[in-house]
Amino acid sequence: MRDKTHTSAKFQRGLATRKAVLGAEYVEKSIAEADDFNWPMQQLTTEYCWDEIWNRPGLDRRSRSLLNLGMISALNRPHELRLHVRGAINNGITPAELQEVFLQVAIYCGVPAALDSLRNAREVLKEMKLA
């Protein structure tokens, strides 16, 4: 397996942002479970998604979370949606704002996408004791 201790400054910055948004426990587990097959994806995601994009000054994390929720809903990626609902809450998005995001998803992406997203978000909110 690749040596995970020799990572770039981009990786370290991205890792800090990734942990702040998604939660350290989840991210550390993902890194720990990485093997030769999926380590390159961990590295790519951490350096480019979480450092190059999430750390850009043009949008705050709250705005990026709102965008992600809409896009992930449209793509019908429930695992990622659940993860990013947690991240959105960590970034200050309220349950009422989540509801608004998914109502807008219903109009632009379709009711089935919005219903699935609402269902998944509600489960996450219950797990987080926010619903």
N, C-alpha and C. Protein backbone atom coordinates (compact mmCIF):
# COMPACT_ATOMS: atom_id res chain seq x y z
N MET A 1 0.83 -1.18 0.00
CA MET A 1 0.00 0.00 0.00
C MET A 1 0.88 1.24 0.00
N ARG A 2 0.37 2.30 -0.59
CA ARG A 2 1.11 3.57 -0.63
C ARG A 2 1.32 4.11 0.77
N ASP A 3 2.39 4.83 0.94
CA ASP A 3 2.70 5.45 2.23
C ASP A 3 1.85 6.71 2.38
N LYS A 4 0.87 6.66 3.28
CA LYS A 4 -0.05 7.78 3.47
C LYS A 4 0.56 8.90 4.29
N THR A 5 1.74 8.69 4.84
CA THR A 5 2.35 9.74 5.65
C THR A 5 3.06 10.78 4.78
N HIS A 6 3.40 10.42 3.56
CA HIS A 6 4.08 11.34 2.66
C HIS A 6 3.04 11.99 1.74
N THR A 7 2.40 13.00 2.26
CA THR A 7 1.38 13.68 1.48
C THR A 7 1.78 15.14 1.29
N SER A 8 1.24 15.74 0.27
CA SER A 8 1.59 17.11 -0.09
C SER A 8 0.94 18.13 0.84
N ALA A 9 1.39 19.37 0.72
CA ALA A 9 0.76 20.46 1.47
C ALA A 9 -0.69 20.62 1.03
N LYS A 10 -0.96 20.43 -0.27
CA LYS A 10 -2.34 20.49 -0.77
C LYS A 10 -3.19 19.43 -0.09
N PHE A 11 -2.64 18.26 0.08
CA PHE A 11 -3.37 17.18 0.73
C PHE A 11 -3.68 17.57 2.18
N GLN A 12 -2.71 18.11 2.88
CA GLN A 12 -2.90 18.47 4.28
C GLN A 12 -3.95 19.58 4.44
N ARG A 13 -3.90 20.58 3.57
CA ARG A 13 -4.91 21.65 3.62
C ARG A 13 -6.29 21.10 3.29
N GLY A 14 -6.36 20.27 2.27
CA GLY A 14 -7.63 19.67 1.88
C GLY A 14 -8.17 18.75 2.96
N LEU A 15 -7.28 18.01 3.59
CA LEU A 15 -7.69 17.11 4.66
C LEU A 15 -8.30 17.89 5.83
N ALA A 16 -7.71 19.02 6.17
CA ALA A 16 -8.24 19.84 7.26
C ALA A 16 -9.64 20.35 6.92
N THR A 17 -9.84 20.79 5.69
CA THR A 17 -11.15 21.27 5.26
C THR A 17 -12.15 20.13 5.22
N ARG A 18 -11.74 19.01 4.69
CA ARG A 18 -12.61 17.83 4.59
C ARG A 18 -13.08 17.40 5.97
N LYS A 19 -12.18 17.39 6.94
CA LYS A 19 -12.55 17.02 8.31
C LYS A 19 -13.50 18.05 8.92
N ALA A 20 -13.25 19.32 8.66
CA ALA A 20 -14.11 20.37 9.23
C ALA A 20 -15.53 20.28 8.69
N VAL A 21 -15.68 19.92 7.43
CA VAL A 21 -17.00 19.85 6.82
C VAL A 21 -17.68 18.52 7.11
N LEU A 22 -17.00 17.42 6.86
CA LEU A 22 -17.63 16.10 6.93
C LEU A 22 -17.51 15.43 8.30
N GLY A 23 -16.62 15.93 9.11
CA GLY A 23 -16.38 15.31 10.42
C GLY A 23 -15.11 14.49 10.40
N ALA A 24 -14.29 14.70 11.40
CA ALA A 24 -12.98 14.03 11.46
C ALA A 24 -13.11 12.52 11.50
N GLU A 25 -14.07 12.02 12.25
CA GLU A 25 -14.21 10.56 12.40
C GLU A 25 -14.46 9.89 11.05
N TYR A 26 -15.38 10.44 10.27
CA TYR A 26 -15.68 9.87 8.96
C TYR A 26 -14.46 9.91 8.04
N VAL A 27 -13.80 11.07 8.00
CA VAL A 27 -12.66 11.24 7.10
C VAL A 27 -11.50 10.34 7.51
N GLU A 28 -11.20 10.30 8.78
CA GLU A 28 -10.10 9.45 9.25
C GLU A 28 -10.36 7.98 8.94
N LYS A 29 -11.61 7.56 9.05
CA LYS A 29 -11.97 6.19 8.71
C LYS A 29 -11.75 5.93 7.22
N SER A 30 -12.15 6.88 6.37
CA SER A 30 -11.95 6.74 4.93
C SER A 30 -10.47 6.62 4.58
N ILE A 31 -9.66 7.45 5.21
CA ILE A 31 -8.22 7.42 4.95
C ILE A 31 -7.62 6.10 5.46
N ALA A 32 -8.01 5.70 6.65
CA ALA A 32 -7.47 4.47 7.24
C ALA A 32 -7.83 3.23 6.41
N GLU A 33 -9.00 3.23 5.82
CA GLU A 33 -9.47 2.07 5.05
C GLU A 33 -8.99 2.09 3.60
N ALA A 34 -8.33 3.14 3.19
CA ALA A 34 -7.86 3.22 1.81
C ALA A 34 -6.80 2.15 1.55
N ASP A 35 -6.88 1.57 0.37
CA ASP A 35 -5.90 0.56 -0.03
C ASP A 35 -5.28 1.00 -1.36
N ASP A 36 -4.47 0.14 -1.95
CA ASP A 36 -3.82 0.49 -3.20
C ASP A 36 -4.82 0.83 -4.31
N PHE A 37 -5.98 0.20 -4.27
CA PHE A 37 -6.98 0.41 -5.31
C PHE A 37 -7.63 1.79 -5.21
N ASN A 38 -8.01 2.21 -3.99
CA ASN A 38 -8.75 3.47 -3.88
C ASN A 38 -7.94 4.64 -3.31
N TRP A 39 -6.69 4.43 -2.91
CA TRP A 39 -5.89 5.53 -2.40
C TRP A 39 -5.74 6.68 -3.41
N PRO A 40 -5.51 6.40 -4.70
CA PRO A 40 -5.40 7.51 -5.64
C PRO A 40 -6.66 8.40 -5.66
N MET A 41 -7.84 7.81 -5.47
CA MET A 41 -9.06 8.61 -5.43
C MET A 41 -9.13 9.44 -4.15
N GLN A 42 -8.68 8.86 -3.03
CA GLN A 42 -8.62 9.63 -1.78
C GLN A 42 -7.71 10.85 -1.96
N GLN A 43 -6.59 10.62 -2.58
CA GLN A 43 -5.62 11.68 -2.78
C GLN A 43 -6.17 12.76 -3.72
N LEU A 44 -6.73 12.34 -4.84
CA LEU A 44 -7.30 13.26 -5.81
C LEU A 44 -8.41 14.11 -5.18
N THR A 45 -9.33 13.44 -4.51
CA THR A 45 -10.46 14.14 -3.89
C THR A 45 -9.99 15.13 -2.83
N THR A 46 -9.06 14.69 -2.00
CA THR A 46 -8.59 15.55 -0.91
C THR A 46 -7.83 16.76 -1.44
N GLU A 47 -6.98 16.55 -2.43
CA GLU A 47 -6.18 17.66 -2.95
C GLU A 47 -6.98 18.62 -3.84
N TYR A 48 -7.78 18.08 -4.74
CA TYR A 48 -8.43 18.94 -5.71
C TYR A 48 -9.82 19.38 -5.27
N CYS A 49 -10.63 18.48 -4.78
CA CYS A 49 -11.96 18.86 -4.32
C CYS A 49 -11.87 19.71 -3.06
N TRP A 50 -11.19 19.16 -2.04
CA TRP A 50 -11.21 19.79 -0.72
C TRP A 50 -10.20 20.90 -0.55
N ASP A 51 -9.11 20.92 -1.31
CA ASP A 51 -8.20 22.07 -1.21
C ASP A 51 -8.45 23.05 -2.36
N GLU A 52 -8.28 22.61 -3.59
CA GLU A 52 -8.37 23.52 -4.73
C GLU A 52 -9.74 24.18 -4.87
N ILE A 53 -10.81 23.47 -4.58
CA ILE A 53 -12.15 24.05 -4.76
C ILE A 53 -12.73 24.56 -3.43
N TRP A 54 -12.84 23.71 -2.43
CA TRP A 54 -13.47 24.13 -1.17
C TRP A 54 -12.70 25.25 -0.47
N ASN A 55 -11.42 25.39 -0.71
CA ASN A 55 -10.65 26.45 -0.07
C ASN A 55 -10.52 27.71 -0.91
N ARG A 56 -11.18 27.76 -2.05
CA ARG A 56 -11.17 28.99 -2.85
C ARG A 56 -11.93 30.08 -2.11
N PRO A 57 -11.53 31.33 -2.28
CA PRO A 57 -12.18 32.42 -1.55
C PRO A 57 -13.51 32.89 -2.15
N GLY A 58 -13.86 32.49 -3.34
CA GLY A 58 -15.04 33.02 -4.04
C GLY A 58 -16.38 32.71 -3.42
N LEU A 59 -16.50 31.57 -2.74
CA LEU A 59 -17.73 31.18 -2.06
C LEU A 59 -17.38 30.68 -0.67
N ASP A 60 -18.25 30.93 0.28
CA ASP A 60 -18.02 30.39 1.61
C ASP A 60 -18.48 28.93 1.66
N ARG A 61 -18.14 28.25 2.73
CA ARG A 61 -18.48 26.83 2.85
C ARG A 61 -19.99 26.60 2.87
N ARG A 62 -20.71 27.51 3.46
CA ARG A 62 -22.17 27.40 3.52
C ARG A 62 -22.75 27.39 2.11
N SER A 63 -22.30 28.31 1.27
CA SER A 63 -22.77 28.37 -0.12
C SER A 63 -22.38 27.12 -0.89
N ARG A 64 -21.16 26.66 -0.67
CA ARG A 64 -20.72 25.44 -1.36
C ARG A 64 -21.58 24.24 -0.94
N SER A 65 -21.95 24.19 0.33
CA SER A 65 -22.82 23.10 0.79
C SER A 65 -24.18 23.15 0.11
N LEU A 66 -24.76 24.33 0.00
CA LEU A 66 -26.06 24.45 -0.67
C LEU A 66 -25.97 23.98 -2.12
N LEU A 67 -24.93 24.40 -2.81
CA LEU A 67 -24.74 23.96 -4.19
C LEU A 67 -24.58 22.44 -4.28
N ASN A 68 -23.77 21.89 -3.41
CA ASN A 68 -23.54 20.44 -3.42
C ASN A 68 -24.84 19.67 -3.22
N LEU A 69 -25.66 20.11 -2.29
CA LEU A 69 -26.92 19.40 -2.04
C LEU A 69 -27.79 19.35 -3.29
N GLY A 70 -27.88 20.47 -3.99
CA GLY A 70 -28.68 20.49 -5.22
C GLY A 70 -28.09 19.58 -6.30
N MET A 71 -26.78 19.68 -6.48
CA MET A 71 -26.14 18.87 -7.53
C MET A 71 -26.18 17.39 -7.20
N ILE A 72 -25.91 17.04 -5.97
CA ILE A 72 -25.91 15.62 -5.59
C ILE A 72 -27.31 15.05 -5.66
N SER A 73 -28.32 15.86 -5.32
CA SER A 73 -29.71 15.42 -5.48
C SER A 73 -30.01 15.14 -6.94
N ALA A 74 -29.59 16.06 -7.80
CA ALA A 74 -29.85 15.89 -9.23
C ALA A 74 -29.18 14.64 -9.79
N LEU A 75 -28.02 14.33 -9.24
CA LEU A 75 -27.28 13.15 -9.70
C LEU A 75 -27.77 11.85 -9.06
N ASN A 76 -28.66 11.96 -8.08
CA ASN A 76 -29.20 10.79 -7.37
C ASN A 76 -28.08 9.95 -6.77
N ARG A 77 -27.33 10.57 -5.90
CA ARG A 77 -26.23 9.90 -5.20
C ARG A 77 -26.52 9.91 -3.70
N PRO A 78 -27.37 8.98 -3.22
CA PRO A 78 -27.83 9.02 -1.83
C PRO A 78 -26.72 8.93 -0.79
N HIS A 79 -25.69 8.13 -1.02
CA HIS A 79 -24.62 8.02 -0.03
C HIS A 79 -23.93 9.37 0.13
N GLU A 80 -23.59 10.00 -0.97
CA GLU A 80 -22.95 11.32 -0.93
C GLU A 80 -23.89 12.37 -0.37
N LEU A 81 -25.17 12.26 -0.69
CA LEU A 81 -26.13 13.23 -0.18
C LEU A 81 -26.18 13.18 1.34
N ARG A 82 -26.26 11.99 1.90
CA ARG A 82 -26.31 11.86 3.36
C ARG A 82 -25.05 12.47 3.99
N LEU A 83 -23.93 12.22 3.40
CA LEU A 83 -22.68 12.76 3.89
C LEU A 83 -22.69 14.29 3.82
N HIS A 84 -23.18 14.83 2.72
CA HIS A 84 -23.18 16.28 2.56
C HIS A 84 -24.30 16.98 3.31
N VAL A 85 -25.34 16.26 3.69
CA VAL A 85 -26.33 16.84 4.61
C VAL A 85 -25.64 17.10 5.94
N ARG A 86 -24.87 16.14 6.41
CA ARG A 86 -24.10 16.35 7.65
C ARG A 86 -23.15 17.53 7.50
N GLY A 87 -22.47 17.58 6.37
CA GLY A 87 -21.56 18.69 6.12
C GLY A 87 -22.28 20.03 6.08
N ALA A 88 -23.46 20.05 5.48
CA ALA A 88 -24.24 21.29 5.40
C ALA A 88 -24.63 21.77 6.81
N ILE A 89 -25.05 20.84 7.64
CA ILE A 89 -25.38 21.19 9.03
C ILE A 89 -24.13 21.75 9.71
N ASN A 90 -22.99 21.09 9.51
CA ASN A 90 -21.74 21.58 10.08
C ASN A 90 -21.38 22.97 9.56
N ASN A 91 -21.83 23.30 8.35
CA ASN A 91 -21.55 24.60 7.75
C ASN A 91 -22.66 25.63 8.01
N GLY A 92 -23.57 25.32 8.92
CA GLY A 92 -24.56 26.30 9.34
C GLY A 92 -25.89 26.27 8.62
N ILE A 93 -26.12 25.29 7.75
CA ILE A 93 -27.40 25.16 7.07
C ILE A 93 -28.42 24.61 8.07
N THR A 94 -29.60 25.18 8.11
CA THR A 94 -30.64 24.74 9.04
C THR A 94 -31.51 23.67 8.38
N PRO A 95 -32.24 22.90 9.18
CA PRO A 95 -33.20 21.95 8.59
C PRO A 95 -34.22 22.64 7.68
N ALA A 96 -34.66 23.84 8.05
CA ALA A 96 -35.61 24.56 7.20
C ALA A 96 -34.98 24.91 5.85
N GLU A 97 -33.71 25.26 5.85
CA GLU A 97 -33.02 25.55 4.58
C GLU A 97 -32.83 24.29 3.76
N LEU A 98 -32.58 23.16 4.42
CA LEU A 98 -32.50 21.89 3.68
C LEU A 98 -33.82 21.63 2.96
N GLN A 99 -34.91 21.85 3.67
CA GLN A 99 -36.23 21.65 3.07
C GLN A 99 -36.38 22.52 1.82
N GLU A 100 -35.97 23.77 1.90
CA GLU A 100 -36.07 24.67 0.75
C GLU A 100 -35.22 24.20 -0.43
N VAL A 101 -34.03 23.70 -0.13
CA VAL A 101 -33.17 23.17 -1.20
C VAL A 101 -33.89 22.06 -1.94
N PHE A 102 -34.49 21.15 -1.19
CA PHE A 102 -35.10 19.99 -1.84
C PHE A 102 -36.43 20.34 -2.52
N LEU A 103 -37.11 21.37 -2.05
CA LEU A 103 -38.28 21.86 -2.79
C LEU A 103 -37.85 22.44 -4.14
N GLN A 104 -36.75 23.14 -4.15
CA GLN A 104 -36.24 23.68 -5.41
C GLN A 104 -35.76 22.55 -6.33
N VAL A 105 -35.15 21.53 -5.74
CA VAL A 105 -34.75 20.35 -6.51
C VAL A 105 -35.97 19.74 -7.20
N ALA A 106 -37.10 19.71 -6.51
CA ALA A 106 -38.32 19.13 -7.09
C ALA A 106 -38.70 19.84 -8.39
N ILE A 107 -38.56 21.15 -8.41
CA ILE A 107 -38.94 21.91 -9.59
C ILE A 107 -37.95 21.73 -10.73
N TYR A 108 -36.66 21.80 -10.42
CA TYR A 108 -35.65 21.79 -11.48
C TYR A 108 -35.15 20.40 -11.85
N CYS A 109 -35.27 19.44 -10.94
CA CYS A 109 -34.72 18.10 -11.19
C CYS A 109 -35.77 17.01 -11.15
N GLY A 110 -36.94 17.30 -10.63
CA GLY A 110 -38.01 16.33 -10.57
C GLY A 110 -38.36 15.92 -9.15
N VAL A 111 -39.61 15.60 -8.98
CA VAL A 111 -40.13 15.22 -7.67
C VAL A 111 -39.47 13.95 -7.13
N PRO A 112 -39.24 12.90 -7.94
CA PRO A 112 -38.58 11.72 -7.38
C PRO A 112 -37.21 12.02 -6.78
N ALA A 113 -36.43 12.86 -7.43
CA ALA A 113 -35.12 13.22 -6.88
C ALA A 113 -35.29 13.96 -5.56
N ALA A 114 -36.24 14.86 -5.50
CA ALA A 114 -36.47 15.62 -4.26
C ALA A 114 -36.98 14.73 -3.14
N LEU A 115 -37.88 13.83 -3.46
CA LEU A 115 -38.41 12.92 -2.42
C LEU A 115 -37.31 12.05 -1.83
N ASP A 116 -36.47 11.49 -2.70
CA ASP A 116 -35.36 10.67 -2.20
C ASP A 116 -34.42 11.50 -1.33
N SER A 117 -34.15 12.71 -1.77
CA SER A 117 -33.25 13.59 -1.01
C SER A 117 -33.85 13.96 0.33
N LEU A 118 -35.12 14.30 0.35
CA LEU A 118 -35.80 14.62 1.62
C LEU A 118 -35.77 13.43 2.57
N ARG A 119 -36.03 12.25 2.03
CA ARG A 119 -36.02 11.04 2.85
C ARG A 119 -34.64 10.82 3.48
N ASN A 120 -33.63 10.93 2.66
CA ASN A 120 -32.27 10.73 3.17
C ASN A 120 -31.88 11.82 4.16
N ALA A 121 -32.24 13.05 3.87
CA ALA A 121 -31.91 14.15 4.77
C ALA A 121 -32.62 13.98 6.11
N ARG A 122 -33.87 13.57 6.07
CA ARG A 122 -34.62 13.37 7.31
C ARG A 122 -33.97 12.29 8.18
N GLU A 123 -33.50 11.22 7.56
CA GLU A 123 -32.80 10.17 8.31
C GLU A 123 -31.54 10.72 8.98
N VAL A 124 -30.79 11.51 8.24
CA VAL A 124 -29.57 12.10 8.80
C VAL A 124 -29.92 13.05 9.95
N LEU A 125 -30.94 13.87 9.75
CA LEU A 125 -31.36 14.80 10.82
C LEU A 125 -31.79 14.04 12.06
N LYS A 126 -32.47 12.92 11.89
CA LYS A 126 -32.85 12.10 13.05
C LYS A 126 -31.61 11.53 13.73
N GLU A 127 -30.67 11.04 12.95
CA GLU A 127 -29.41 10.51 13.53
C GLU A 127 -28.67 11.59 14.31
N MET A 128 -28.76 12.82 13.81
CA MET A 128 -28.07 13.95 14.46
C MET A 128 -28.92 14.58 15.57
N LYS A 129 -30.12 13.99 15.78
CA LYS A 129 -31.07 14.47 16.79
C LYS A 129 -31.50 15.92 16.53
N LEU A 130 -31.71 16.21 15.24
CA LEU A 130 -32.18 17.52 14.83
C LEU A 130 -33.61 17.47 14.27
N ALA A 131 -34.18 16.28 14.25
CA ALA A 131 -35.57 16.12 13.77
C ALA A 131 -36.27 15.09 14.63
